[in-house]
Amino acid sequence: MPGQTMTAIRIAGGKGPAAALHPETVARPQPGPGQILIAVRAAGVNRPDIAQRKGNYPPPPGAPEGLGLEVAGEVAAVGPGAGRWRVGDAVTALLGGGGYAQYAAVDARHALPVPPGLDFVQAAALPETVFTVFSNLFEIGDLKAGETVLVHGATSGIGVAAIQLAKARGATVIATSRTARKAEQAKTLGADISIDVSAGDFVERVKAARGADVVLEMVAGDYVAKNIEVLKPFGRLVFIAFQAGSRVELDLMPVQRKRLVLTGSMLRPRDADEKARLAAAVEAQVWPLIASGAFRPIIDSTFPLERAADAHAYLEAGDHLGKVVLTV
């Protein structure tokens, strides 16, 4: 395939508003040792893509410069030592970048088979979201059956996955949303308690429910102190994003008194071996939940690849339930 090209989405000027996204003709990547080349059929759109577009989340060293952290499609070519994959296999994969394109090269260990019964759009909504939720809720947050988790941003792609996976693993779920409609949607996904924060603060509702063992936090700002207030002794506050800002003034005495753990993680900068370990864990523990029907990806809307700018604008407006996906 040397010399072949493809369409990919680039950012005019290197950073900018959603309208800066536009299709370009670029060189098609080639799979190196241990890699596969995926003919992309769908690519998930995520908040980190928006942050990168704005210039706030540069790719880690060695990652492709383009946007897009998760795709699904068919294996188009296999590099030396790529293991289990063969040309034509239907896969979904976690990328370091470059998913908004017709083709993407990826470490073969970061690809998983498309679960039976799912199409490419549904499969493309899985890797970035499920890897993040699984890692932060169950590995870092150590959420156990019988415990209570507080999930903020309940109707986001992360939120709808966290609600379903926590319920599937036997936890009680308290969810927060910013409108009554979203709170009702979170309830239909399995949240035991669903709170519309536009109608009142979540603190008293969560305390009335005897508090939370784990908080999955993507808001931050003034939510941090409130999360600490509702956490039970030995509770875990797990940060995955800072939509309201990462700098806070905080009284740490409750952390010490209740013996809390404040932690967090980022998925994209992790090294290749760690992502491979996480992919294997997700396949072993989450893929069976998809097969059983206990968890399913929720797709809000799709946009053709060439309309990536519209997809970003729609996601930023914040009125979605579940994932926004580009189709190729």
Protein backbone atom coordinates (compact mmCIF):
# COMPACT_ATOMS: atom_id res chain seq x y z
CA MET A 1 0.00 0.00 0.00
CA PRO A 2 2.90 2.44 -0.21
CA GLY A 3 1.88 5.79 -1.63
CA GLN A 4 -1.83 5.27 -0.95
CA THR A 5 -3.85 8.03 0.68
CA MET A 6 -6.95 8.41 2.79
CA THR A 7 -9.29 11.03 4.18
CA ALA A 8 -8.66 12.16 7.76
CA ILE A 9 -9.93 15.00 9.91
CA ARG A 10 -7.45 17.75 10.75
CA ILE A 11 -7.62 20.97 12.78
CA ALA A 12 -7.10 24.14 10.76
CA GLY A 13 -4.38 26.18 12.46
CA GLY A 14 -3.56 23.37 14.90
CA LYS A 15 -6.30 24.34 17.36
CA GLY A 16 -9.61 26.15 17.37
CA PRO A 17 -13.40 25.88 17.58
CA ALA A 18 -15.42 22.98 16.23
CA ALA A 19 -15.58 24.72 12.85
CA ALA A 20 -11.79 24.31 12.55
CA LEU A 21 -12.25 20.59 11.88
CA HIS A 22 -12.09 19.70 8.20
CA PRO A 23 -11.28 16.66 6.04
CA GLU A 24 -7.88 16.42 4.36
CA THR A 25 -6.22 13.88 2.09
CA VAL A 26 -3.22 12.42 3.92
CA ALA A 27 -0.91 9.41 3.64
CA ARG A 28 -2.42 6.12 4.72
CA PRO A 29 -0.58 4.65 7.74
CA GLN A 30 1.20 1.31 7.48
CA PRO A 31 1.17 -1.34 10.23
CA GLY A 32 4.55 -1.77 11.88
CA PRO A 33 5.76 -4.74 13.95
CA GLY A 34 3.06 -5.81 16.38
CA GLN A 35 0.46 -3.56 14.75
CA ILE A 36 -2.66 -3.99 12.66
CA LEU A 37 -4.18 -1.59 10.16
CA ILE A 38 -7.92 -1.07 10.62
CA ALA A 39 -10.24 0.01 7.83
CA VAL A 40 -12.31 2.29 10.05
CA ARG A 41 -16.09 2.02 9.82
CA ALA A 42 -16.90 4.12 12.89
CA ALA A 43 -15.03 6.29 15.40
CA GLY A 44 -16.16 7.44 18.83
CA VAL A 45 -16.21 11.15 19.69
CA ASN A 46 -15.08 11.98 23.22
CA ARG A 47 -14.44 14.95 25.49
CA PRO A 48 -10.65 14.47 25.26
CA ASP A 49 -10.98 15.05 21.49
CA ILE A 50 -12.58 18.42 22.22
CA ALA A 51 -9.81 19.27 24.68
CA GLN A 52 -7.17 18.37 22.07
CA ARG A 53 -8.93 20.43 19.41
CA LYS A 54 -8.81 23.44 21.74
CA GLY A 55 -5.08 22.94 22.35
CA ASN A 56 -5.48 21.73 25.94
CA TYR A 57 -4.68 18.01 25.54
CA PRO A 58 -1.70 17.38 23.25
CA PRO A 59 -1.02 13.82 22.09
CA PRO A 60 1.57 11.95 24.16
CA PRO A 61 4.97 11.31 22.56
CA GLY A 62 4.74 8.83 19.70
CA ALA A 63 0.97 9.09 19.29
CA PRO A 64 -0.62 10.10 15.97
CA GLU A 65 -1.39 13.81 15.76
CA GLY A 66 -4.97 13.35 14.60
CA LEU A 67 -8.08 13.21 16.77
CA GLY A 68 -9.86 9.99 17.67
CA LEU A 69 -9.20 7.56 20.52
CA GLU A 70 -11.47 4.63 19.61
CA VAL A 71 -12.58 2.98 16.37
CA ALA A 72 -14.24 -0.12 14.99
CA GLY A 73 -13.77 -1.71 11.59
CA GLU A 74 -12.12 -4.56 9.73
CA VAL A 75 -8.47 -5.55 9.84
CA ALA A 76 -7.03 -4.41 6.49
CA ALA A 77 -3.40 -5.44 7.02
CA VAL A 78 -1.32 -7.17 9.66
CA GLY A 79 2.21 -6.27 10.67
CA PRO A 80 4.84 -8.81 11.76
CA GLY A 81 4.07 -10.34 15.15
CA ALA A 82 0.50 -9.05 15.36
CA GLY A 83 -0.67 -12.24 17.04
CA ARG A 84 -4.32 -13.28 16.93
CA TRP A 85 -5.60 -11.03 14.12
CA ARG A 86 -6.21 -11.85 10.47
CA VAL A 87 -7.25 -9.66 7.55
CA GLY A 88 -11.03 -9.27 7.59
CA ASP A 89 -11.48 -9.66 11.35
CA ALA A 90 -14.04 -7.29 12.86
CA VAL A 91 -12.35 -5.38 15.68
CA THR A 92 -12.69 -2.40 17.95
CA ALA A 93 -9.59 -0.70 19.29
CA LEU A 94 -8.21 1.86 21.71
CA LEU A 95 -5.92 4.37 19.97
CA GLY A 96 -3.46 7.02 21.06
CA GLY A 97 -4.96 9.22 18.34
CA GLY A 98 -5.79 9.27 14.66
CA GLY A 99 -9.18 7.58 14.74
CA TYR A 100 -10.99 10.26 12.74
CA ALA A 101 -9.82 8.73 9.48
CA GLN A 102 -10.50 6.01 6.94
CA TYR A 103 -7.62 3.90 8.27
CA ALA A 104 -5.84 3.66 11.62
CA ALA A 105 -2.76 1.68 12.69
CA VAL A 106 -2.81 0.37 16.25
CA ASP A 107 -0.93 -1.94 18.60
CA ALA A 108 -2.59 -5.32 17.99
CA ARG A 109 -2.86 -5.89 21.75
CA HIS A 110 -5.13 -2.84 22.07
CA ALA A 111 -7.75 -4.31 19.72
CA LEU A 112 -10.64 -6.51 20.79
CA PRO A 113 -13.16 -8.50 18.75
CA VAL A 114 -16.45 -6.75 18.02
CA PRO A 115 -18.86 -8.38 20.50
CA PRO A 116 -21.50 -10.60 18.89
CA GLY A 117 -24.71 -8.74 18.18
CA LEU A 118 -23.10 -5.30 17.98
CA ASP A 119 -22.57 -3.30 14.81
CA PHE A 120 -19.52 -1.14 14.12
CA VAL A 121 -21.16 2.03 15.46
CA GLN A 122 -21.93 0.38 18.79
CA ALA A 123 -18.49 -1.24 18.94
CA ALA A 124 -16.73 2.08 18.27
CA ALA A 125 -18.42 3.50 21.38
CA LEU A 126 -16.72 0.96 23.65
CA PRO A 127 -12.92 1.21 24.05
CA GLU A 128 -12.19 4.70 25.40
CA THR A 129 -15.32 4.68 27.53
CA VAL A 130 -15.21 1.13 28.85
CA PHE A 131 -11.46 1.10 29.49
CA THR A 132 -11.85 4.35 31.45
CA VAL A 133 -14.83 3.21 33.49
CA PHE A 134 -13.49 -0.27 34.21
CA SER A 135 -10.07 1.01 35.24
CA ASN A 136 -11.33 3.83 37.43
CA LEU A 137 -14.37 2.22 39.04
CA PHE A 138 -13.19 -1.32 39.61
CA GLU A 139 -9.39 -1.22 39.63
CA ILE A 140 -8.50 2.20 41.03
CA GLY A 141 -11.79 2.86 42.87
CA ASP A 142 -12.07 -0.77 44.01
CA LEU A 143 -15.88 -0.69 43.79
CA LYS A 144 -17.35 -3.88 45.23
CA ALA A 145 -20.74 -5.54 45.12
CA GLY A 146 -22.97 -4.08 47.82
CA GLU A 147 -21.21 -0.70 47.83
CA THR A 148 -22.65 2.60 46.60
CA VAL A 149 -21.16 4.68 43.80
CA LEU A 150 -21.97 8.29 42.97
CA VAL A 151 -21.69 8.98 39.23
CA HIS A 152 -21.67 12.58 38.01
CA GLY A 153 -22.50 13.43 34.39
CA ALA A 154 -24.86 10.48 34.29
CA THR A 155 -25.98 10.82 30.66
CA SER A 156 -22.50 11.29 29.19
CA GLY A 157 -20.83 8.39 27.41
CA ILE A 158 -18.85 7.69 30.59
CA GLY A 159 -21.92 8.08 32.76
CA VAL A 160 -24.18 5.65 30.94
CA ALA A 161 -21.42 3.03 30.91
CA ALA A 162 -20.62 3.57 34.60
CA ILE A 163 -24.27 3.18 35.63
CA GLN A 164 -24.70 -0.06 33.73
CA LEU A 165 -21.37 -1.63 34.69
CA ALA A 166 -21.73 -0.73 38.37
CA LYS A 167 -25.21 -2.25 38.45
CA ALA A 168 -24.00 -5.35 36.62
CA ARG A 169 -21.32 -5.80 39.28
CA GLY A 170 -23.83 -5.53 42.13
CA ALA A 171 -23.36 -1.92 43.28
CA THR A 172 -25.99 0.67 44.18
CA VAL A 173 -25.82 3.69 41.84
CA ILE A 174 -26.60 7.31 42.63
CA ALA A 175 -26.45 9.50 39.52
CA THR A 176 -26.47 13.26 39.01
CA SER A 177 -27.59 15.15 35.91
CA ARG A 178 -28.31 18.78 35.04
CA THR A 179 -31.94 18.52 33.88
CA ALA A 180 -35.06 16.63 34.91
CA ARG A 181 -35.13 14.87 31.54
CA LYS A 182 -31.57 13.63 31.93
CA ALA A 183 -32.27 12.50 35.49
CA GLU A 184 -35.17 10.42 34.19
CA GLN A 185 -32.97 8.97 31.46
CA ALA A 186 -30.36 7.95 34.03
CA LYS A 187 -33.10 6.22 36.01
CA THR A 188 -34.12 4.17 32.98
CA LEU A 189 -30.50 3.00 32.61
CA GLY A 190 -30.56 1.55 36.12
CA ALA A 191 -29.61 4.33 38.54
CA ASP A 192 -31.18 3.58 41.93
CA ILE A 193 -31.31 7.28 42.78
CA SER A 194 -31.17 9.92 40.04
CA ILE A 195 -30.72 13.56 41.03
CA ASP A 196 -31.44 16.65 38.94
CA VAL A 197 -28.86 19.11 40.29
CA SER A 198 -30.62 22.04 38.62
CA ALA A 199 -33.43 21.53 41.14
CA GLY A 200 -31.20 21.38 44.21
CA ASP A 201 -27.84 20.32 45.58
CA PHE A 202 -26.98 16.62 45.55
CA VAL A 203 -25.30 16.53 48.97
CA GLU A 204 -28.36 16.08 51.18
CA ARG A 205 -29.90 13.47 48.85
CA VAL A 206 -26.73 11.40 48.89
CA LYS A 207 -26.31 11.73 52.66
CA ALA A 208 -29.93 10.68 53.12
CA ALA A 209 -29.04 7.53 51.17
CA ARG A 210 -26.21 6.86 53.70
CA GLY A 211 -23.46 8.26 51.50
CA ALA A 212 -21.19 6.84 48.82
CA ASP A 213 -18.25 4.45 48.94
CA VAL A 214 -16.89 5.62 45.58
CA VAL A 215 -17.38 8.83 43.59
CA LEU A 216 -16.57 8.87 39.88
CA GLU A 217 -15.75 12.54 39.34
CA MET A 218 -15.56 14.36 36.04
CA VAL A 219 -16.77 17.82 37.15
CA ALA A 220 -14.38 18.90 39.96
CA GLY A 221 -14.46 22.61 40.88
CA ASP A 222 -16.84 23.08 43.82
CA TYR A 223 -17.98 19.46 43.50
CA VAL A 224 -14.77 18.26 45.16
CA ALA A 225 -15.64 19.45 48.67
CA LYS A 226 -19.20 18.19 48.23
CA ASN A 227 -17.96 14.76 47.19
CA ILE A 228 -15.73 14.58 50.25
CA GLU A 229 -18.73 15.49 52.41
CA VAL A 230 -20.87 12.61 51.08
CA LEU A 231 -18.17 9.94 51.08
CA LYS A 232 -18.37 7.26 53.76
CA PRO A 233 -15.34 6.37 55.89
CA PHE A 234 -12.70 4.71 53.72
CA GLY A 235 -14.40 6.16 50.63
CA ARG A 236 -12.59 6.71 47.32
CA LEU A 237 -12.86 9.87 45.21
CA VAL A 238 -11.68 9.06 41.67
CA PHE A 239 -11.01 11.91 39.23
CA ILE A 240 -11.25 11.30 35.50
CA ALA A 241 -11.84 14.88 34.26
CA PHE A 242 -12.08 18.48 35.49
CA GLN A 243 -14.86 20.13 33.49
CA ALA A 244 -15.34 22.84 36.13
CA GLY A 245 -11.59 23.30 36.73
CA SER A 246 -8.80 21.34 38.39
CA ARG A 247 -7.72 24.01 40.88
CA VAL A 248 -9.67 24.03 44.14
CA GLU A 249 -9.30 25.33 47.69
CA LEU A 250 -9.98 22.44 50.02
CA ASP A 251 -10.22 21.62 53.72
CA LEU A 252 -8.36 18.33 54.03
CA MET A 253 -9.44 17.59 57.59
CA PRO A 254 -12.42 15.44 56.49
CA VAL A 255 -10.05 13.40 54.32
CA GLN A 256 -7.95 12.59 57.33
CA ARG A 257 -10.89 12.09 59.68
CA LYS A 258 -12.75 9.70 57.35
CA ARG A 259 -9.60 8.04 56.01
CA LEU A 260 -10.49 8.83 52.42
CA VAL A 261 -8.52 8.18 49.26
CA LEU A 262 -8.33 10.91 46.60
CA THR A 263 -7.00 9.53 43.35
CA GLY A 264 -7.46 9.61 39.59
CA SER A 265 -6.02 8.60 36.27
CA MET A 266 -5.62 9.38 32.59
CA LEU A 267 -5.89 6.63 30.01
CA ARG A 268 -4.15 8.08 26.97
CA PRO A 269 -0.63 8.56 28.44
CA ARG A 270 -0.38 5.01 29.81
CA ASP A 271 2.29 2.88 28.19
CA ALA A 272 1.53 0.22 25.61
CA ASP A 273 2.02 -2.73 27.97
CA GLU A 274 -0.38 -1.27 30.54
CA LYS A 275 -3.03 -0.65 27.87
CA ALA A 276 -2.55 -4.23 26.68
CA ARG A 277 -3.07 -5.50 30.23
CA LEU A 278 -6.20 -3.38 30.57
CA ALA A 279 -7.54 -4.58 27.20
CA ALA A 280 -7.19 -8.19 28.30
CA ALA A 281 -8.97 -7.45 31.59
CA VAL A 282 -11.81 -5.68 29.80
CA GLU A 283 -12.25 -8.54 27.35
CA ALA A 284 -12.34 -11.07 30.19
CA GLN A 285 -14.66 -9.13 32.50
CA VAL A 286 -16.77 -6.72 30.42
CA TRP A 287 -17.28 -8.54 27.11
CA PRO A 288 -19.29 -11.30 28.89
CA LEU A 289 -21.58 -8.60 30.33
CA ILE A 290 -22.27 -7.43 26.77
CA ALA A 291 -22.98 -11.00 25.69
CA SER A 292 -25.42 -11.46 28.57
CA GLY A 293 -27.21 -8.17 27.91
CA ALA A 294 -26.23 -6.68 31.26
CA PHE A 295 -24.37 -3.86 29.50
CA ARG A 296 -24.93 -2.24 26.13
CA PRO A 297 -23.42 0.83 24.49
CA ILE A 298 -25.91 3.70 24.23
CA ILE A 299 -25.65 5.66 20.97
CA ASP A 300 -27.13 9.16 20.92
CA SER A 301 -26.35 10.09 17.32
CA THR A 302 -24.04 9.53 14.38
CA PHE A 303 -22.40 11.95 11.94
CA PRO A 304 -20.48 11.19 8.74
CA LEU A 305 -16.72 11.59 9.10
CA GLU A 306 -16.77 14.73 6.97
CA ARG A 307 -19.13 16.34 9.50
CA ALA A 308 -16.80 15.94 12.48
CA ALA A 309 -17.19 19.67 13.16
CA ASP A 310 -20.94 19.21 13.63
CA ALA A 311 -20.35 16.22 15.90
CA HIS A 312 -18.04 18.28 18.12
CA ALA A 313 -20.50 21.18 18.28
CA TYR A 314 -23.29 18.78 19.22
CA LEU A 315 -21.25 17.09 21.95
CA GLU A 316 -20.20 20.44 23.38
CA ALA A 317 -23.84 21.54 23.59
CA GLY A 318 -24.27 18.80 26.20
CA ASP A 319 -27.76 17.58 25.30
CA HIS A 320 -26.76 14.02 24.42
CA LEU A 321 -27.54 10.69 26.07
CA GLY A 322 -24.65 8.30 25.55
CA LYS A 323 -22.16 8.38 22.73
CA VAL A 324 -21.71 10.42 19.58
CA VAL A 325 -20.06 8.44 16.78
CA LEU A 326 -18.59 9.27 13.38
CA THR A 327 -19.33 6.90 10.50
CA VAL A 328 -16.89 6.24 7.67
